[in-house]
């Protein structure tokens, strides 16, 4: 996705880079998410950061921050959420644990 240079400048003007290489959002926030408006469309600013780095994103995709702050827009600290990262990891762990316990009971 291509963006006009003015959108890049607007984004850059709304982040503060700290000593931990976090890009802390200084603009609008909605429900804990950093928001930037591009051509009348509200974007999660972290998605915009990923998109401008060449990642394919939808404006309504969800972000998983791997560094700790929901306002960190550094694309190196964010990834797109997947069904596995959202939901299935905990379920898979529980299923595996239950299977392990079932085998232990059968061996007794």
Protein backbone atom coordinates (compact mmCIF):
# COMPACT_ATOMS: atom_id res chain seq x y z
CA UNK A 1 0.00 0.00 0.00
CA UNK A 2 1.41 3.40 -0.99
CA UNK A 3 0.98 6.51 1.12
CA UNK A 4 1.55 10.14 0.26
CA UNK A 5 4.66 11.69 1.86
CA UNK A 6 2.37 14.00 3.88
CA UNK A 7 0.94 10.92 5.64
CA UNK A 8 4.43 9.76 6.57
CA UNK A 9 5.26 13.25 7.90
CA UNK A 10 2.02 13.36 9.89
CA UNK A 11 2.78 9.95 11.43
CA UNK A 12 6.38 10.91 12.25
CA UNK A 13 5.21 14.12 13.92
CA UNK A 14 2.95 12.15 16.27
CA UNK A 15 5.49 9.67 17.67
CA UNK A 16 8.17 10.11 20.30
CA UNK A 17 11.07 7.68 20.03
CA UNK A 18 12.45 6.69 23.43
CA UNK A 19 15.67 5.07 24.65
CA UNK A 20 14.09 1.56 24.36
CA UNK A 21 13.33 2.21 20.66
CA UNK A 22 9.62 2.44 21.37
CA UNK A 23 7.70 4.83 19.14
CA UNK A 24 5.24 6.21 21.68
CA UNK A 25 2.09 7.60 20.07
CA UNK A 26 1.34 11.24 20.96
CA UNK A 27 -1.83 11.63 18.87
CA UNK A 28 -5.46 10.57 19.31
CA UNK A 29 -6.30 7.41 21.25
CA UNK A 30 -9.57 5.47 21.09
CA UNK A 31 -10.21 2.55 23.47
CA UNK A 32 -6.48 2.35 24.21
CA UNK A 33 -5.50 2.23 20.53
CA UNK A 34 -3.42 4.93 18.82
CA UNK A 35 -5.48 6.44 15.98
CA UNK A 36 -4.40 8.26 12.81
CA UNK A 37 -6.79 9.39 10.08
CA UNK A 38 -5.63 8.87 6.49
CA UNK A 39 -7.92 10.13 3.69
CA UNK A 40 -10.91 10.10 6.05
CA UNK A 41 -10.27 6.53 7.27
CA UNK A 42 -9.29 5.91 10.89
CA UNK A 43 -6.32 3.57 11.22
CA UNK A 44 -4.72 2.02 14.26
CA UNK A 45 -1.40 3.91 14.05
CA UNK A 46 0.47 0.64 14.67
CA UNK A 47 -1.18 -0.84 11.55
CA UNK A 48 -0.20 2.24 9.58
CA UNK A 49 3.41 1.75 10.75
CA UNK A 50 3.34 -1.86 9.55
CA UNK A 51 1.69 -0.91 6.24
CA UNK A 52 4.24 1.78 5.47
CA UNK A 53 6.96 -0.84 6.01
CA UNK A 54 5.36 -2.93 3.25
CA UNK A 55 3.19 -5.33 5.26
CA UNK A 56 -0.24 -6.20 3.83
CA UNK A 57 -2.81 -5.06 6.40
CA UNK A 58 -6.54 -4.35 6.66
CA UNK A 59 -7.56 -1.20 8.52
CA UNK A 60 -9.56 -3.33 10.98
CA UNK A 61 -6.84 -5.94 11.68
CA UNK A 62 -5.74 -6.40 15.29
CA UNK A 63 -2.23 -5.91 16.63
CA UNK A 64 -0.18 -7.98 19.03
CA UNK A 65 2.49 -5.85 20.70
CA UNK A 66 5.55 -7.91 21.55
CA UNK A 67 7.26 -5.19 23.58
CA UNK A 68 4.64 -4.22 26.14
CA UNK A 69 2.98 -0.88 25.32
CA UNK A 70 -0.27 -0.52 23.37
CA UNK A 71 0.91 2.95 22.28
CA UNK A 72 4.22 1.67 20.85
CA UNK A 73 4.05 2.10 17.05
CA UNK A 74 7.47 0.66 16.22
CA UNK A 75 6.75 -1.97 13.54
CA UNK A 76 9.56 -4.13 14.96
CA UNK A 77 7.55 -4.41 18.20
CA UNK A 78 4.16 -5.19 16.61
CA UNK A 79 2.71 -8.01 14.58
CA UNK A 80 -0.71 -8.82 13.17
CA UNK A 81 -2.81 -11.02 15.43
CA UNK A 82 -3.86 -14.39 14.09
CA UNK A 83 -6.43 -16.88 15.28
CA UNK A 84 -3.59 -18.87 16.80
CA UNK A 85 -2.16 -15.93 18.76
CA UNK A 86 -5.64 -14.75 19.80
CA UNK A 87 -7.45 -17.92 20.72
CA UNK A 88 -6.04 -21.29 20.01
CA UNK A 89 -2.74 -21.19 21.87
CA UNK A 90 -4.35 -21.40 25.31
CA UNK A 91 -6.83 -24.02 24.11
CA UNK A 92 -4.07 -26.12 22.55
CA UNK A 93 -2.04 -26.01 25.79
CA UNK A 94 -5.07 -27.09 27.81
CA UNK A 95 -5.85 -29.92 25.35
CA UNK A 96 -2.25 -31.10 25.42
CA UNK A 97 -2.20 -31.05 29.23
CA UNK A 98 -5.48 -32.98 29.40
CA UNK A 99 -4.14 -35.57 26.92
CA UNK A 100 -0.96 -35.90 28.99
CA UNK A 101 -2.98 -36.49 32.20
CA UNK A 102 -5.19 -39.02 30.42
CA UNK A 103 -2.14 -41.01 29.32
CA UNK A 104 -0.74 -40.93 32.87
CA UNK A 105 -4.02 -42.31 34.22
CA UNK A 106 -4.09 -45.06 31.61
CA UNK A 107 -0.51 -46.08 32.46
CA UNK A 108 -1.35 -46.51 36.17
